[in-house]
Amino acid sequence: MLDLPLATAEFVAVDTETNGLSGEKCELTEIGAVLVGGGELHEEWDSLVGVAQPLGRYIQRLTGISQDMVNAAPAPEDVLPRLATMLRGRVLVAHNSRFDVRVLRQAFARAALEWPDPPVICTVQMARRFAPLQERRGLATLARALGIEVDEVHRALPDARTCAQVFCALFGRLCANAPTIGDALTVLGAKKVRKRPASVPRRPRGERPHLAGLPHEPGVYVFRDADGRPLYVGKSVDLRVRARSHFTSGAAWTAQAEHVDHTVTESELGALLLEDRLIKALKPPGNVRGKGEPDGYVYIRCRLDIPFPILEVAREPAVGHAVCVGPVRGRAAAAELVEQLNSLFGLRHCGRSMPARAHPSAYGQMGRCLSPCLNDLDPNVYRERLDAALRLFVGRSGGEALLGRVDEQIREASAAQRYERAEWLSRRRSRLEALLARLGGVLRAIHTGARLVLAPHPSSAGRADAIWVAGGRVVDWGAVDGASLVERSARAFKAAPPVGRLGGWLSADAVSEARLVGAWVALNSPPMLELGPRVGGAQLSRFLGAHGVVLHRGEGERSFAPVAG
């Protein structure tokens, strides 16, 4: 079959939906297939598939496939033979084919059916080869970039149809490079080898790259191999000393390192941010995901996109619509603070998946929980209590606001002659005061307001990086430059949510930067300026002058673009 001409072959574009679990627990819930021939779409087929385990709530919301739908669906052994017939003598096409083929192989094995083992073409690989300027290769994003309309996602047949259209859009370029099916598999599977630039000399084996050009300054360095590919990205407050230390560590990538690029920053925080962005952009093999030791800082967060939201403690801010408070030091103290807040405001003490109960939990029986698990609570009542708890942290001093709220409750209980409750609240206040002293951070929702953070140079007075944080995100940063300082500060203030809004929005890409800045600020307590609606040059000059940073009007901004290969 591999010797058949590619132009006259028939293809089946396939997409699968699953229960969202991994490994052996992964089950097929829906399959869609579209027959493609001559660059056109022909026959379509799809079917729901019965599952053994109940579907989770999240995957039902994502795909729109409910538990009732899969309960009424045919079993895998009744569905898969039809797919096997369609694949016989044809080429399977899928977007991110490794996933779909693994799911199908596993489903065929469970149904005691023989996998037809067709040749497989992946449209992600086609996009890498024939649309290299398209950086985002998700199915819907890639399709729109190729001029294909996408009306529905996360269902098997619409996604299979979109995959078939993407395949047809790139099919002509594939045929121009591969006359047969076997040639196509070779073209798409081969890795592109870049030639070593003639200007880059090879170093003798066992010698390290020339590092004398690295300064004793804070910044980021990128080690590359002889072909210019990035091997490792690192940061330091002393570039030369840190780069040299790698060649005593025995790391595997050092044997391939031929030369090193670097970018100087004004501060350690600037180096941290640039390192994070370069690792995301270059994806060097020497940088292990999850780099760095846990630093002890955590967030108290509340995701507002779930029914009856809960307070929880996590190492990172929440992605999406949420309120995130911190960072604060000490997971145990933060967890105890959450427990105290839950009892004070009657919030849920259970996890995100709320169990249905016939009787109140122990907290509900003690009057410390509104018991939404009984399914008879008005969500607006719960939300009012939750909003009251979260508003304590929307101002600048969440700790003082929390203690003030407890003092108010003590006075109310005393006025109503509820002396036992007043005594209970007094004990709570003492415990809260001790907890706040232990947490050692800023008890403030990170999405509130806009701030200019001044990160000073580790050794040279008068030098600093300016980092503008608004809505919990790093919206701008760079070396202090008098020519653009007012304009950049005004833009940062406009990027902040309105005063008093409960909840901010963080994308997945912004979370790591938010945590980097938050933990660094909590540890170093740098100078910070709250930005208002009228940010003036005089105000900024006084702030910088008070901390020994001199404005150099007209100085060019430092470039933080990725280091070129």
Protein backbone atom coordinates (compact mmCIF):
# COMPACT_ATOMS: atom_id res chain seq x y z
CA MET A 1 0.00 0.00 0.00
CA LEU A 2 2.90 2.37 0.70
CA ASP A 3 3.84 2.26 -3.00
CA LEU A 4 0.43 3.57 -4.15
CA PRO A 5 0.37 7.06 -5.72
CA LEU A 6 -0.53 9.69 -3.13
CA ALA A 7 -2.66 11.76 -5.54
CA THR A 8 -5.13 8.89 -6.19
CA ALA A 9 -5.23 7.42 -2.66
CA GLU A 10 -8.27 7.57 -0.42
CA PHE A 11 -8.11 8.96 3.13
CA VAL A 12 -10.33 8.84 6.21
CA ALA A 13 -10.18 11.87 8.51
CA VAL A 14 -10.97 10.68 12.03
CA ASP A 15 -11.62 12.44 15.33
CA THR A 16 -12.38 10.91 18.72
CA GLU A 17 -13.93 12.24 21.92
CA THR A 18 -13.14 10.54 25.23
CA ASN A 19 -14.11 10.65 28.91
CA GLY A 20 -11.12 12.93 29.55
CA LEU A 21 -9.21 10.44 31.68
CA SER A 22 -5.69 9.17 30.99
CA GLY A 23 -4.05 5.79 30.62
CA GLU A 24 -6.16 2.68 31.12
CA LYS A 25 -9.11 4.75 32.37
CA CYS A 26 -9.49 6.53 29.01
CA GLU A 27 -12.66 5.46 27.18
CA LEU A 28 -14.00 6.39 23.74
CA THR A 29 -17.30 8.32 23.89
CA GLU A 30 -17.75 9.41 20.27
CA ILE A 31 -16.10 8.87 16.91
CA GLY A 32 -16.44 10.79 13.65
CA ALA A 33 -15.02 9.88 10.22
CA VAL A 34 -14.99 11.67 6.84
CA LEU A 35 -13.92 9.98 3.58
CA VAL A 36 -11.56 12.13 1.48
CA GLY A 37 -10.54 11.48 -2.12
CA GLY A 38 -9.17 13.67 -4.89
CA GLY A 39 -8.90 16.60 -2.49
CA GLU A 40 -12.66 16.56 -1.75
CA LEU A 41 -14.87 15.42 1.13
CA HIS A 42 -17.26 12.53 0.48
CA GLU A 43 -19.01 10.12 2.85
CA GLU A 44 -19.43 11.05 6.54
CA TRP A 45 -20.16 8.84 9.54
CA ASP A 46 -20.25 9.29 13.29
CA SER A 47 -21.50 7.44 16.36
CA LEU A 48 -21.64 7.81 20.10
CA VAL A 49 -20.01 4.96 22.05
CA GLY A 50 -21.11 3.47 25.35
CA VAL A 51 -18.71 3.68 28.31
CA ALA A 52 -18.23 1.62 31.44
CA GLN A 53 -17.47 4.47 33.87
CA PRO A 54 -19.65 7.57 34.52
CA LEU A 55 -18.61 10.78 32.77
CA GLY A 56 -17.20 13.66 34.78
CA ARG A 57 -19.05 16.97 34.93
CA TYR A 58 -16.22 18.87 33.25
CA ILE A 59 -16.01 16.63 30.17
CA GLN A 60 -19.81 16.77 29.78
CA ARG A 61 -19.67 20.57 29.73
CA LEU A 62 -16.69 20.62 27.33
CA THR A 63 -18.05 18.22 24.72
CA GLY A 64 -21.79 18.49 25.21
CA ILE A 65 -21.95 14.67 25.49
CA SER A 66 -24.13 13.86 28.50
CA GLN A 67 -24.31 10.72 30.61
CA ASP A 68 -27.77 9.95 29.16
CA MET A 69 -26.34 10.10 25.62
CA VAL A 70 -23.61 7.52 26.26
CA ASN A 71 -25.99 5.37 28.29
CA ALA A 72 -28.15 5.02 25.18
CA ALA A 73 -25.18 4.61 22.80
CA PRO A 74 -24.12 1.28 21.24
CA ALA A 75 -21.23 -0.64 22.78
CA PRO A 76 -17.71 -0.30 21.30
CA GLU A 77 -17.84 -3.80 19.77
CA ASP A 78 -20.92 -2.70 17.76
CA VAL A 79 -19.39 0.59 16.55
CA LEU A 80 -15.73 -0.15 15.78
CA PRO A 81 -16.26 -2.74 13.00
CA ARG A 82 -17.81 0.02 10.85
CA LEU A 83 -14.68 2.14 11.32
CA ALA A 84 -12.42 -0.82 10.53
CA THR A 85 -14.32 -1.28 7.24
CA MET A 86 -13.88 2.39 6.33
CA LEU A 87 -10.13 2.27 7.08
CA ARG A 88 -9.42 -0.87 5.06
CA GLY A 89 -7.16 0.04 2.12
CA ARG A 90 -7.14 3.73 3.07
CA VAL A 91 -4.93 6.18 4.99
CA LEU A 92 -6.02 7.46 8.39
CA VAL A 93 -5.74 11.24 8.84
CA ALA A 94 -6.05 12.90 12.25
CA HIS A 95 -5.06 16.11 13.99
CA ASN A 96 -2.49 15.18 16.63
CA SER A 97 -2.80 11.62 15.36
CA ARG A 98 -0.78 10.09 18.19
CA PHE A 99 -3.66 10.72 20.60
CA ASP A 100 -6.45 9.46 18.34
CA VAL A 101 -4.55 6.34 17.28
CA ARG A 102 -3.75 5.49 20.90
CA VAL A 103 -7.41 5.89 21.90
CA LEU A 104 -8.59 3.75 18.97
CA ARG A 105 -6.01 1.01 19.52
CA GLN A 106 -7.03 0.81 23.16
CA ALA A 107 -10.74 0.69 22.24
CA PHE A 108 -10.18 -2.06 19.65
CA ALA A 109 -8.20 -4.09 22.19
CA ARG A 110 -10.93 -3.78 24.83
CA ALA A 111 -13.53 -4.89 22.30
CA ALA A 112 -11.37 -7.91 21.33
CA LEU A 113 -11.16 -6.61 17.73
CA GLU A 114 -8.12 -6.48 15.47
CA TRP A 115 -6.77 -3.01 14.83
CA PRO A 116 -6.59 -2.47 11.02
CA ASP A 117 -3.22 -0.67 11.38
CA PRO A 118 -3.55 1.78 8.46
CA PRO A 119 -0.85 4.27 7.44
CA VAL A 120 -1.31 7.47 9.46
CA ILE A 121 -0.87 11.11 8.42
CA CYS A 122 -1.01 13.85 11.06
CA THR A 123 -2.26 17.29 10.04
CA VAL A 124 -0.16 18.88 12.80
CA GLN A 125 2.96 17.50 11.09
CA MET A 126 1.63 18.75 7.74
CA ALA A 127 1.22 22.23 9.23
CA ARG A 128 4.77 22.17 10.65
CA ARG A 129 6.14 21.21 7.24
CA PHE A 130 3.98 23.25 4.87
CA ALA A 131 2.71 26.17 7.01
CA PRO A 132 5.76 26.92 9.19
CA LEU A 133 4.81 30.56 9.89
CA GLN A 134 1.63 29.44 11.64
CA GLU A 135 2.84 29.15 15.25
CA ARG A 136 -0.47 28.03 16.83
CA ARG A 137 -1.51 24.68 15.43
CA GLY A 138 -4.67 23.84 17.36
CA LEU A 139 -7.26 22.47 14.98
CA ALA A 140 -9.68 25.41 15.01
CA THR A 141 -6.89 28.03 15.01
CA LEU A 142 -5.05 26.35 12.13
CA ALA A 143 -8.26 25.95 10.13
CA ARG A 144 -9.13 29.64 10.47
CA ALA A 145 -5.58 30.59 9.45
CA LEU A 146 -6.12 28.56 6.26
CA GLY A 147 -9.44 30.32 5.54
CA ILE A 148 -11.66 27.46 6.76
CA GLU A 149 -14.79 28.37 8.72
CA VAL A 150 -15.22 26.53 12.03
CA ASP A 151 -18.72 26.46 13.50
CA GLU A 152 -18.47 23.74 16.16
CA VAL A 153 -15.65 22.20 18.20
CA HIS A 154 -15.16 19.33 20.66
CA ARG A 155 -17.58 17.03 18.85
CA ALA A 156 -16.25 14.16 16.76
CA LEU A 157 -17.87 14.69 13.35
CA PRO A 158 -17.43 18.51 13.15
CA ASP A 159 -13.77 18.13 14.22
CA ALA A 160 -13.24 15.27 11.73
CA ARG A 161 -14.75 17.47 9.01
CA THR A 162 -12.48 20.38 9.96
CA CYS A 163 -9.47 18.02 9.99
CA ALA A 164 -10.42 16.78 6.50
CA GLN A 165 -10.65 20.38 5.22
CA VAL A 166 -7.24 21.23 6.70
CA PHE A 167 -5.83 18.11 5.06
CA CYS A 168 -7.29 19.10 1.67
CA ALA A 169 -5.89 22.65 2.02
CA LEU A 170 -2.36 21.28 2.49
CA PHE A 171 -2.74 18.21 0.26
CA GLY A 172 -1.38 19.85 -2.89
CA ARG A 173 1.87 20.83 -1.15
CA LEU A 174 2.23 17.30 0.20
CA CYS A 175 1.73 15.80 -3.29
CA ALA A 176 4.39 18.15 -4.69
CA ASN A 177 6.92 16.69 -2.25
CA ALA A 178 5.82 13.05 -2.03
CA PRO A 179 4.69 10.97 -5.06
CA THR A 180 3.63 7.92 -2.98
CA ILE A 181 2.04 7.25 0.41
CA GLY A 182 5.35 5.93 1.73
CA ASP A 183 7.14 9.07 0.57
CA ALA A 184 4.53 11.20 2.36
CA LEU A 185 5.13 9.36 5.63
CA THR A 186 8.86 9.87 5.21
CA VAL A 187 8.52 13.58 4.42
CA LEU A 188 6.29 14.25 7.41
CA GLY A 189 8.30 12.09 9.81
CA ALA A 190 11.76 13.42 8.88
CA LYS A 191 13.27 16.08 11.11
CA LYS A 192 14.69 19.12 9.44
CA VAL A 193 18.47 19.31 9.95
CA ARG A 194 19.93 22.77 9.91
CA LYS A 195 23.43 23.29 8.62
CA ARG A 196 26.03 24.70 10.94
CA PRO A 197 26.72 28.33 10.07
CA ALA A 198 30.14 28.71 8.51
CA SER A 199 30.90 31.60 10.85
CA VAL A 200 30.49 29.39 13.93
CA PRO A 201 33.68 27.36 14.51
CA ARG A 202 33.46 23.94 16.12
CA ARG A 203 35.15 23.68 19.49
CA PRO A 204 37.37 20.73 20.37
CA ARG A 205 35.53 17.99 22.27
CA GLY A 206 35.79 18.42 26.04
CA GLU A 207 36.34 22.20 25.93
CA ARG A 208 33.71 24.67 27.03
CA PRO A 209 32.48 27.61 24.91
CA HIS A 210 34.27 30.94 25.13
CA LEU A 211 32.64 32.75 28.08
CA ALA A 212 34.93 35.73 28.52
CA GLY A 213 32.45 37.93 26.63
CA LEU A 214 29.81 37.50 29.33
CA PRO A 215 29.66 40.47 31.72
CA HIS A 216 29.37 40.43 35.50
CA GLU A 217 25.80 41.73 35.23
CA PRO A 218 22.30 40.38 35.82
CA GLY A 219 20.61 38.92 32.78
CA VAL A 220 19.81 35.81 30.77
CA TYR A 221 22.05 33.51 28.70
CA VAL A 222 21.23 30.94 26.02
CA PHE A 223 23.62 28.04 25.30
CA ARG A 224 23.40 26.71 21.73
CA ASP A 225 24.85 23.78 19.82
CA ALA A 226 26.97 23.98 16.65
CA ASP A 227 23.83 24.31 14.48
CA GLY A 228 22.46 27.19 16.53
CA ARG A 229 19.74 25.22 18.29
CA PRO A 230 19.06 26.34 21.89
CA LEU A 231 20.15 23.84 24.54
CA TYR A 232 19.58 25.67 27.81
CA VAL A 233 18.27 29.05 29.01
CA GLY A 234 19.42 30.38 32.38
CA LYS A 235 19.43 33.59 34.40
CA SER A 236 21.69 35.03 37.04
CA VAL A 237 22.67 38.22 38.81
CA ASP A 238 26.21 37.49 37.51
CA LEU A 239 26.09 36.07 33.98
CA ARG A 240 29.73 35.03 33.66
CA VAL A 241 30.01 33.27 37.02
CA ARG A 242 26.74 31.38 36.59
CA ALA A 243 27.42 30.30 33.00
CA ARG A 244 30.82 28.89 33.96
CA SER A 245 29.32 26.85 36.80
CA HIS A 246 27.34 24.65 34.37
CA PHE A 247 30.54 22.97 33.16
CA THR A 248 31.22 21.54 36.60
CA SER A 249 27.68 20.16 37.00
CA GLY A 250 27.93 17.26 34.54
CA ALA A 251 24.64 18.16 32.76
CA ALA A 252 24.25 16.19 29.53
CA TRP A 253 23.62 19.22 27.31
CA THR A 254 26.98 20.84 28.17
CA ALA A 255 28.79 18.34 25.89
CA GLN A 256 26.95 19.85 22.89
CA ALA A 257 27.29 23.53 23.87
CA GLU A 258 29.32 25.45 21.28
CA HIS A 259 28.49 29.09 21.95
CA VAL A 260 26.38 31.32 24.18
CA ASP A 261 24.20 34.40 23.67
CA HIS A 262 23.17 36.76 26.44
CA THR A 263 20.93 39.73 27.24
CA VAL A 264 21.68 42.04 30.17
CA THR A 265 18.85 43.20 32.44
CA GLU A 266 18.84 45.78 35.21
CA SER A 267 17.64 43.45 37.96
CA GLU A 268 17.10 39.88 39.10
CA LEU A 269 13.35 40.21 38.53
CA GLY A 270 13.94 41.35 34.96
CA ALA A 271 16.14 38.29 34.42
CA LEU A 272 13.46 36.00 35.90
CA LEU A 273 10.79 37.35 33.54
CA LEU A 274 13.01 37.19 30.47
CA GLU A 275 14.12 33.65 31.32
CA ASP A 276 10.49 32.53 31.65
CA ARG A 277 9.55 34.01 28.27
CA LEU A 278 12.58 32.57 26.47
CA ILE A 279 11.99 29.08 27.86
CA LYS A 280 8.41 29.24 26.56
CA ALA A 281 9.52 30.54 23.16
CA LEU A 282 12.60 28.36 22.55
CA LYS A 283 11.64 25.18 24.49
CA PRO A 284 15.29 24.14 25.08
CA PRO A 285 15.76 20.47 26.02
CA GLY A 286 18.02 21.30 28.98
CA ASN A 287 15.28 23.18 30.83
CA VAL A 288 13.11 20.72 32.73
CA ARG A 289 9.46 21.67 33.14
CA GLY A 290 8.68 22.66 36.69
CA LYS A 291 12.18 24.05 37.21
CA GLY A 292 12.99 25.37 40.64
CA GLU A 293 12.47 24.35 44.23
CA PRO A 294 9.18 25.13 45.98
CA ASP A 295 9.62 28.50 47.70
CA GLY A 296 6.88 28.12 50.29
CA TYR A 297 4.62 30.82 48.80
CA VAL A 298 1.00 29.95 48.07
CA TYR A 299 -2.22 31.69 47.03
CA ILE A 300 -5.65 31.68 48.58
CA ARG A 301 -7.89 31.57 45.55
CA CYS A 302 -11.54 31.26 44.56
CA ARG A 303 -12.56 30.17 41.07
CA LEU A 304 -15.80 31.94 40.17
CA ASP A 305 -16.70 29.73 37.19
CA ILE A 306 -18.06 26.81 39.27
CA PRO A 307 -21.37 26.49 41.17
CA PHE A 308 -21.09 27.47 44.86
CA PRO A 309 -17.38 28.46 44.60
CA ILE A 310 -14.94 27.47 47.33
CA LEU A 311 -11.83 29.00 48.85
CA GLU A 312 -8.72 26.88 48.30
CA VAL A 313 -4.96 27.03 48.73
CA ALA A 314 -2.69 26.48 45.71
CA ARG A 315 0.87 27.20 44.64
CA GLU A 316 -0.20 29.30 41.63
CA PRO A 317 -2.95 31.81 40.88
CA ALA A 318 -6.02 30.35 39.19
CA VAL A 319 -6.41 30.41 35.42
CA GLY A 320 -9.58 32.13 34.17
CA HIS A 321 -12.16 34.12 36.17
CA ALA A 322 -11.13 34.05 39.82
CA VAL A 323 -10.08 35.97 42.91
CA CYS A 324 -6.50 35.16 43.96
CA VAL A 325 -5.03 36.53 47.20
CA GLY A 326 -1.32 36.54 47.91
CA PRO A 327 1.24 35.20 47.62
CA VAL A 328 1.60 34.37 51.31
CA ARG A 329 4.18 32.16 52.98
CA GLY A 330 3.12 28.89 54.58
CA ARG A 331 0.60 26.42 53.15
CA ALA A 332 -0.54 25.23 56.59
CA ALA A 333 -1.25 28.76 57.85
CA ALA A 334 -3.04 29.66 54.60
CA ALA A 335 -5.18 26.51 54.85
CA GLU A 336 -6.11 27.37 58.43
CA LEU A 337 -7.04 30.91 57.36
CA VAL A 338 -9.33 29.44 54.68
CA GLU A 339 -10.94 27.22 57.31
CA GLN A 340 -11.51 30.25 59.55
CA LEU A 341 -13.09 32.22 56.69
CA ASN A 342 -15.34 29.32 55.76
CA SER A 343 -16.66 29.10 59.33
CA LEU A 344 -17.08 32.87 59.72
CA PHE A 345 -19.07 33.26 56.49
CA GLY A 346 -20.77 29.85 56.26
CA LEU A 347 -18.94 28.80 53.07
CA ARG A 348 -18.43 25.27 51.84
CA HIS A 349 -15.67 23.24 53.52
CA CYS A 350 -15.76 20.43 50.93
CA GLY A 351 -13.88 20.26 47.61
CA ARG A 352 -14.90 21.47 44.15
CA SER A 353 -17.07 18.40 43.50
CA MET A 354 -19.90 19.02 45.94
CA PRO A 355 -21.43 15.75 47.22
CA ALA A 356 -25.22 15.59 47.44
CA ARG A 357 -26.33 14.94 51.01
CA ALA A 358 -29.61 13.96 52.65
CA HIS A 359 -28.52 15.56 55.94
CA PRO A 360 -26.20 18.51 56.75
CA SER A 361 -22.51 17.87 57.31
CA ALA A 362 -20.95 18.40 60.74
CA TYR A 363 -20.16 22.03 59.80
CA GLY A 364 -23.75 22.53 58.69
CA GLN A 365 -25.08 21.14 61.97
CA MET A 366 -22.86 23.58 63.89
CA GLY A 367 -24.13 26.50 61.82
CA ARG A 368 -20.75 27.06 60.14
CA CYS A 369 -21.87 26.11 56.61
CA LEU A 370 -24.94 27.08 54.56
CA SER A 371 -25.10 23.45 53.32
CA PRO A 372 -25.67 23.91 49.57
CA CYS A 373 -25.14 20.13 49.31
CA LEU A 374 -28.77 19.69 50.43
CA ASN A 375 -29.88 21.18 47.06
CA ASP A 376 -32.32 23.60 48.69
CA LEU A 377 -30.14 26.72 49.00
CA ASP A 378 -30.66 29.81 46.84
CA PRO A 379 -27.32 30.37 44.99
CA ASN A 380 -27.73 34.14 45.46
CA VAL A 381 -27.68 33.74 49.25
CA TYR A 382 -24.43 31.76 49.07
CA ARG A 383 -22.93 34.25 46.62
CA GLU A 384 -23.72 37.17 48.96
CA ARG A 385 -21.77 35.46 51.75
CA LEU A 386 -18.90 34.62 49.39
CA ASP A 387 -18.76 38.18 48.05
CA ALA A 388 -18.65 39.54 51.59
CA ALA A 389 -15.63 37.32 52.34
CA LEU A 390 -13.83 38.19 49.10
CA ARG A 391 -14.41 41.97 49.41
CA LEU A 392 -12.17 41.95 52.47
CA PHE A 393 -9.24 41.39 50.12
CA VAL A 394 -10.14 43.82 47.33
CA GLY A 395 -8.72 46.76 49.26
CA ARG A 396 -5.09 47.41 50.13
CA SER A 397 -5.06 45.80 53.57
CA GLY A 398 -6.98 42.54 53.64
CA GLY A 399 -5.65 41.57 57.07
CA GLU A 400 -6.87 44.75 58.78
CA ALA A 401 -10.21 44.52 56.96
CA LEU A 402 -10.69 40.93 58.14
CA LEU A 403 -9.95 41.79 61.78
CA GLY A 404 -12.23 44.81 61.50
CA ARG A 405 -15.05 42.60 60.22
CA VAL A 406 -14.65 40.23 63.20
CA ASP A 407 -14.63 43.19 65.61
CA GLU A 408 -17.92 44.36 64.05
CA GLN A 409 -19.43 40.90 64.51
CA ILE A 410 -18.30 40.83 68.15
CA ARG A 411 -20.04 44.16 68.79
CA GLU A 412 -23.22 42.96 67.09
CA ALA A 413 -23.25 39.71 69.12
CA SER A 414 -22.69 41.63 72.38
CA ALA A 415 -25.46 44.12 71.57
CA ALA A 416 -27.83 41.19 70.95
CA GLN A 417 -26.71 39.61 74.27
CA ARG A 418 -25.34 36.59 72.44
CA TYR A 419 -22.38 36.38 74.76
CA GLU A 420 -21.34 32.83 73.84
CA ARG A 421 -21.03 33.83 70.20
CA ALA A 422 -19.12 36.99 71.16
CA GLU A 423 -16.68 34.86 73.19
CA TRP A 424 -16.30 32.44 70.26
CA LEU A 425 -15.62 35.34 67.89
CA SER A 426 -13.05 36.80 70.31
CA ARG A 427 -11.14 33.52 70.29
CA ARG A 428 -11.36 33.50 66.49
CA ARG A 429 -9.98 37.03 66.34
CA SER A 430 -6.95 36.13 68.46
CA ARG A 431 -6.26 33.13 66.26
CA LEU A 432 -6.69 35.18 63.06
CA GLU A 433 -4.29 37.83 64.35
CA ALA A 434 -1.65 35.15 64.98
CA LEU A 435 -2.26 33.60 61.55
CA LEU A 436 -1.90 36.93 59.75
CA ALA A 437 1.41 37.56 61.50
CA ARG A 438 2.67 34.11 60.40
CA LEU A 439 1.59 34.39 56.75
CA GLY A 440 4.08 37.14 55.98
CA GLY A 441 2.63 38.35 52.69
CA VAL A 442 0.18 40.79 51.18
CA LEU A 443 -3.41 39.70 51.82
CA ARG A 444 -4.76 41.44 48.78
CA ALA A 445 -6.44 40.18 45.61
CA ILE A 446 -3.82 40.37 42.88
CA HIS A 447 -6.29 41.62 40.25
CA THR A 448 -6.96 44.86 42.12
CA GLY A 449 -5.33 48.09 41.00
CA ALA A 450 -2.21 48.85 39.01
CA ARG A 451 1.28 49.13 40.44
CA LEU A 452 4.73 50.17 39.32
CA VAL A 453 7.30 47.84 40.88
CA LEU A 454 10.88 49.04 41.02
CA ALA A 455 13.39 46.18 40.86
CA PRO A 456 16.84 47.63 41.69
CA HIS A 457 20.14 46.50 40.23
CA PRO A 458 21.83 44.05 42.65
CA SER A 459 25.05 46.06 42.91
CA SER A 460 24.87 49.41 41.05
CA ALA A 461 23.02 52.30 42.65
CA GLY A 462 20.72 54.32 40.44
CA ARG A 463 19.84 51.44 38.07
CA ALA A 464 16.58 49.51 38.09
CA ASP A 465 13.98 47.69 36.03
CA ALA A 466 10.43 49.02 36.01
CA ILE A 467 7.66 46.40 36.02
CA TRP A 468 4.05 47.47 35.54
CA VAL A 469 1.49 45.05 37.04
CA ALA A 470 -2.23 45.52 36.37
CA GLY A 471 -5.03 43.05 36.91
CA GLY A 472 -2.51 40.56 38.28
CA ARG A 473 -0.65 40.49 34.94
CA VAL A 474 2.71 41.89 33.88
CA VAL A 475 1.52 44.40 31.28
CA ASP A 476 4.86 46.10 30.60
CA TRP A 477 8.44 46.05 31.81
CA GLY A 478 11.93 47.19 30.94
CA ALA A 479 14.74 49.48 31.99
CA VAL A 480 13.70 52.77 33.58
CA ASP A 481 13.31 55.28 30.76
CA GLY A 482 12.18 58.82 31.41
CA ALA A 483 10.94 59.36 27.86
CA SER A 484 8.14 56.81 28.13
CA LEU A 485 7.60 56.33 31.87
CA VAL A 486 4.43 58.45 32.13
CA GLU A 487 2.84 56.97 29.02
CA ARG A 488 3.56 53.36 30.07
CA SER A 489 2.23 54.02 33.59
CA ALA A 490 -0.99 55.48 32.17
CA ARG A 491 -1.45 52.44 29.90
CA ALA A 492 -0.95 50.13 32.88
CA PHE A 493 -3.62 51.94 34.91
CA LYS A 494 -6.11 51.63 32.03
CA ALA A 495 -5.41 47.87 31.88
CA ALA A 496 -6.52 47.37 35.51
CA PRO A 497 -10.11 46.24 36.30
CA PRO A 498 -12.51 48.86 37.72
CA VAL A 499 -12.15 49.55 41.44
CA GLY A 500 -14.16 47.13 43.56
CA ARG A 501 -14.69 44.47 40.91
CA LEU A 502 -14.77 40.96 42.33
CA GLY A 503 -12.69 38.68 40.17
CA GLY A 504 -9.99 39.07 37.59
CA TRP A 505 -8.99 37.04 34.56
CA LEU A 506 -5.63 35.35 34.06
CA SER A 507 -4.67 33.37 30.97
CA ALA A 508 -2.55 30.24 31.32
CA ASP A 509 0.46 32.09 29.85
CA ALA A 510 0.13 34.91 32.40
CA VAL A 511 0.00 32.67 35.48
CA SER A 512 3.71 31.85 35.64
CA GLU A 513 4.70 35.53 35.28
CA ALA A 514 2.17 36.55 37.94
CA ARG A 515 3.66 34.00 40.32
CA LEU A 516 7.26 35.02 39.54
CA VAL A 517 6.56 38.68 40.27
CA GLY A 518 4.36 37.95 43.30
CA ALA A 519 6.87 35.65 44.99
CA TRP A 520 9.81 37.98 44.22
CA VAL A 521 7.93 41.01 45.59
CA ALA A 522 6.86 39.12 48.74
CA LEU A 523 10.44 38.01 49.38
CA ASN A 524 12.24 41.28 48.57
CA SER A 525 9.68 44.01 49.48
CA PRO A 526 10.79 46.35 46.65
CA PRO A 527 9.58 49.93 46.22
CA MET A 528 6.07 50.03 44.71
CA LEU A 529 3.87 52.89 43.57
CA GLU A 530 0.07 52.58 43.31
CA LEU A 531 -0.95 54.11 39.99
CA GLY A 532 -3.94 56.46 39.87
CA PRO A 533 -6.04 57.93 37.06
CA ARG A 534 -3.73 60.93 36.72
CA VAL A 535 -0.19 59.61 36.62
CA GLY A 536 2.15 62.57 36.30
CA GLY A 537 5.84 62.94 35.61
CA ALA A 538 6.41 64.82 38.85
CA GLN A 539 4.85 62.01 40.91
CA LEU A 540 6.95 59.38 39.15
CA SER A 541 10.13 61.46 39.46
CA ARG A 542 9.60 61.87 43.21
CA PHE A 543 9.01 58.13 43.58
CA LEU A 544 12.15 57.20 41.64
CA GLY A 545 14.24 59.90 43.28
CA ALA A 546 13.20 58.73 46.74
CA HIS A 547 14.71 55.35 45.92
CA GLY A 548 17.88 56.61 44.28
CA VAL A 549 16.95 55.97 40.64
CA VAL A 550 17.77 58.84 38.29
CA LEU A 551 15.69 59.35 35.15
CA HIS A 552 17.69 59.50 31.93
CA ARG A 553 15.29 61.19 29.53
CA GLY A 554 15.63 59.95 25.98
CA GLU A 555 17.43 56.74 26.92
CA GLY A 556 16.46 53.87 24.59
CA GLU A 557 14.36 51.05 25.97
CA ARG A 558 16.08 47.77 26.55
CA SER A 559 15.04 45.05 24.14
CA PHE A 560 13.59 41.91 25.63
CA ALA A 561 13.05 40.03 22.39
CA PRO A 562 14.18 36.37 22.26
CA VAL A 563 17.87 35.95 21.49
CA ALA A 564 18.33 35.25 17.78
CA GLY A 565 19.81 31.95 16.66
